[in-house]
Amino acid sequence: MTLTILPTDWNHPDGETLRRAQRDELDTRYGADTEPGVKPSADDIAVFLVARDENGSAVGCGALRMLGPSEAEVKRMFVVKASRGSGVSTAILRALEAEAAARGITTLKLETGPAQPDAVRFYTREGYTRIPLFGHYVHSEGSLCFARDLPAAAGSVAASV
């Protein structure tokens, strides 16, 4: 699959559609679960990436929210079901990591949950390790947190894969 991954406005309709699909899937897995802490918004997301296939269709997304001068959290990682298993999630994650490194971020953290064993396997395979619960997740019994230290800055986020 040929992908183009570019920064996109948080409020772009394709981004909203992808985030709504992610929320629907999480509600199916967890019930009407509320997200611990403050939901990400256009005001606190440093970058929001959308992956598009060769036809221009939005097939996945991911975002970074700053936690401090050298740390950020991966938010809203999602790939539509029809594109799973084709490398889209890895491409989005690597693009987020490149964007983070270019911004001087040295550590990425993220939160997932036990009803997402596929996500746990994915992040583990991609070099993320379990860490103690952090931030808004400290008291969240349904959270699993991961982190990865990044290599030095590699350049721009815009990518075609």
Protein backbone atom coordinates (compact mmCIF):
# COMPACT_ATOMS: atom_id res chain seq x y z
CA MET A 1 0.00 0.00 0.00
CA THR A 2 1.28 3.45 -0.92
CA LEU A 3 0.72 6.00 1.85
CA THR A 4 1.07 9.71 2.25
CA ILE A 5 1.25 10.93 5.84
CA LEU A 6 0.93 14.66 6.44
CA PRO A 7 0.15 17.04 9.28
CA THR A 8 -3.55 17.88 9.18
CA ASP A 9 -5.70 20.35 11.06
CA TRP A 10 -7.24 18.66 14.11
CA ASN A 11 -10.70 19.81 13.02
CA HIS A 12 -10.45 18.56 9.42
CA PRO A 13 -13.51 16.41 8.61
CA ASP A 14 -11.35 13.36 7.80
CA GLY A 15 -9.67 13.62 11.19
CA GLU A 16 -13.01 13.93 12.93
CA THR A 17 -14.30 10.86 11.08
CA LEU A 18 -11.24 8.81 12.06
CA ARG A 19 -11.42 9.88 15.71
CA ARG A 20 -15.15 9.10 15.84
CA ALA A 21 -14.49 5.62 14.40
CA GLN A 22 -11.81 5.08 17.04
CA ARG A 23 -14.20 6.16 19.80
CA ASP A 24 -16.88 3.79 18.47
CA GLU A 25 -14.40 0.90 18.52
CA LEU A 26 -13.24 1.75 22.05
CA ASP A 27 -16.85 1.95 23.23
CA THR A 28 -17.41 -1.54 21.78
CA ARG A 29 -14.37 -2.87 23.66
CA TYR A 30 -14.81 -1.03 26.97
CA GLY A 31 -18.45 0.04 27.09
CA ALA A 32 -19.33 3.70 27.52
CA ASP A 33 -15.93 4.26 29.09
CA THR A 34 -14.77 7.80 29.69
CA GLU A 35 -11.21 8.71 28.91
CA PRO A 36 -9.05 9.46 31.97
CA GLY A 37 -7.98 13.09 32.11
CA VAL A 38 -8.51 15.78 29.54
CA LYS A 39 -9.47 14.68 26.04
CA PRO A 40 -7.07 15.95 23.38
CA SER A 41 -8.18 19.00 21.42
CA ALA A 42 -6.88 21.38 18.77
CA ASP A 43 -5.55 23.53 21.62
CA ASP A 44 -3.24 20.92 23.14
CA ILE A 45 -2.17 18.73 20.22
CA ALA A 46 1.29 19.60 18.90
CA VAL A 47 0.78 17.72 15.64
CA PHE A 48 -2.00 15.60 14.13
CA LEU A 49 -1.10 13.29 11.26
CA VAL A 50 -3.46 11.67 8.78
CA ALA A 51 -2.40 8.78 6.55
CA ARG A 52 -3.98 8.56 3.12
CA ASP A 53 -3.86 5.68 0.68
CA GLU A 54 -3.09 5.91 -3.03
CA ASN A 55 -6.71 6.99 -3.68
CA GLY A 56 -6.51 9.84 -1.16
CA SER A 57 -8.75 8.11 1.36
CA ALA A 58 -7.96 8.77 5.02
CA VAL A 59 -6.98 5.38 6.48
CA GLY A 60 -5.37 6.28 9.81
CA CYS A 61 -4.26 8.98 12.18
CA GLY A 62 -2.12 9.77 15.19
CA ALA A 63 -1.22 12.80 17.29
CA LEU A 64 1.30 14.11 19.78
CA ARG A 65 0.43 15.99 22.96
CA MET A 66 3.31 17.63 24.81
CA LEU A 67 3.90 16.45 28.38
CA GLY A 68 6.95 18.62 28.98
CA PRO A 69 9.89 20.09 27.07
CA SER A 70 11.30 16.68 26.12
CA GLU A 71 8.30 14.35 26.48
CA ALA A 72 5.12 13.87 24.49
CA GLU A 73 2.20 11.48 24.53
CA VAL A 74 0.99 9.55 21.49
CA LYS A 75 -2.75 10.16 21.15
CA ARG A 76 -5.50 9.00 18.82
CA MET A 77 -3.51 6.29 17.03
CA PHE A 78 -6.06 4.62 14.81
CA VAL A 79 -6.22 2.71 11.53
CA VAL A 80 -9.45 1.75 9.77
CA LYS A 81 -10.12 -1.99 9.86
CA ALA A 82 -9.76 -2.45 6.10
CA SER A 83 -6.17 -1.13 6.26
CA ARG A 84 -4.96 -3.02 9.31
CA GLY A 85 -2.11 -5.46 8.83
CA SER A 86 -0.70 -3.49 5.90
CA GLY A 87 1.89 -1.40 7.75
CA VAL A 88 -0.21 1.75 8.14
CA SER A 89 0.05 1.83 11.94
CA THR A 90 3.83 1.39 11.84
CA ALA A 91 4.16 4.15 9.24
CA ILE A 92 2.05 6.55 11.32
CA LEU A 93 3.98 5.74 14.49
CA ARG A 94 7.34 6.25 12.76
CA ALA A 95 6.12 9.57 11.32
CA LEU A 96 5.04 10.67 14.81
CA GLU A 97 8.43 9.63 16.18
CA ALA A 98 10.22 11.62 13.44
CA GLU A 99 8.09 14.67 14.19
CA ALA A 100 8.78 14.29 17.90
CA ALA A 101 12.54 13.97 17.38
CA ALA A 102 12.53 17.03 15.10
CA ARG A 103 10.89 18.97 17.96
CA GLY A 104 13.56 17.88 20.44
CA ILE A 105 11.35 15.32 22.15
CA THR A 106 13.42 12.47 23.56
CA THR A 107 10.69 10.29 25.09
CA LEU A 108 7.27 9.26 23.82
CA LYS A 109 4.70 7.85 26.21
CA LEU A 110 1.28 6.38 25.56
CA GLU A 111 -1.68 4.74 27.22
CA THR A 112 -3.74 1.80 26.04
CA GLY A 113 -5.80 -0.79 27.85
CA PRO A 114 -6.21 -4.50 28.52
CA ALA A 115 -9.11 -4.81 26.05
CA GLN A 116 -6.67 -3.87 23.28
CA PRO A 117 -4.20 -6.78 23.21
CA ASP A 118 -3.52 -5.98 19.55
CA ALA A 119 -2.29 -2.50 20.57
CA VAL A 120 -0.17 -3.94 23.38
CA ARG A 121 1.48 -6.36 20.92
CA PHE A 122 1.99 -3.60 18.36
CA TYR A 123 3.65 -1.14 20.74
CA THR A 124 5.83 -3.86 22.26
CA ARG A 125 6.92 -4.98 18.79
CA GLU A 126 7.73 -1.36 17.91
CA GLY A 127 10.12 -0.97 20.85
CA TYR A 128 7.86 0.49 23.52
CA THR A 129 8.19 -0.89 27.04
CA ARG A 130 5.70 -0.98 29.91
CA ILE A 131 6.12 1.84 32.40
CA PRO A 132 4.29 2.82 35.58
CA LEU A 133 1.04 4.70 35.03
CA PHE A 134 1.71 8.41 34.45
CA GLY A 135 -0.17 11.70 34.47
CA HIS A 136 -3.95 11.37 34.27
CA TYR A 137 -3.62 7.57 34.22
CA VAL A 138 -1.99 7.18 37.66
CA HIS A 139 -5.26 6.06 39.24
CA SER A 140 -6.75 4.40 36.16
CA GLU A 141 -7.06 0.67 36.81
CA GLY A 142 -7.94 0.09 33.15
CA SER A 143 -4.78 1.68 31.77
CA LEU A 144 -1.52 0.19 30.53
CA CYS A 145 1.27 2.69 29.85
CA PHE A 146 4.28 2.40 27.57
CA ALA A 147 7.27 4.56 26.60
CA ARG A 148 10.13 4.67 24.14
CA ASP A 149 13.27 6.79 24.12
CA LEU A 150 13.84 8.29 20.69
CA PRO A 151 17.05 8.55 18.69
CA ALA A 152 18.35 12.02 17.75
CA ALA A 153 16.32 14.21 15.37
CA ALA A 154 15.91 12.78 11.90
CA GLY A 155 14.05 15.54 10.03
CA SER A 156 10.60 16.42 8.76
CA VAL A 157 7.39 14.49 9.26
CA ALA A 158 5.99 14.66 5.71
CA ALA A 159 6.36 11.18 4.28
CA SER A 160 5.31 8.96 1.46
CA VAL A 161 5.63 5.28 2.21
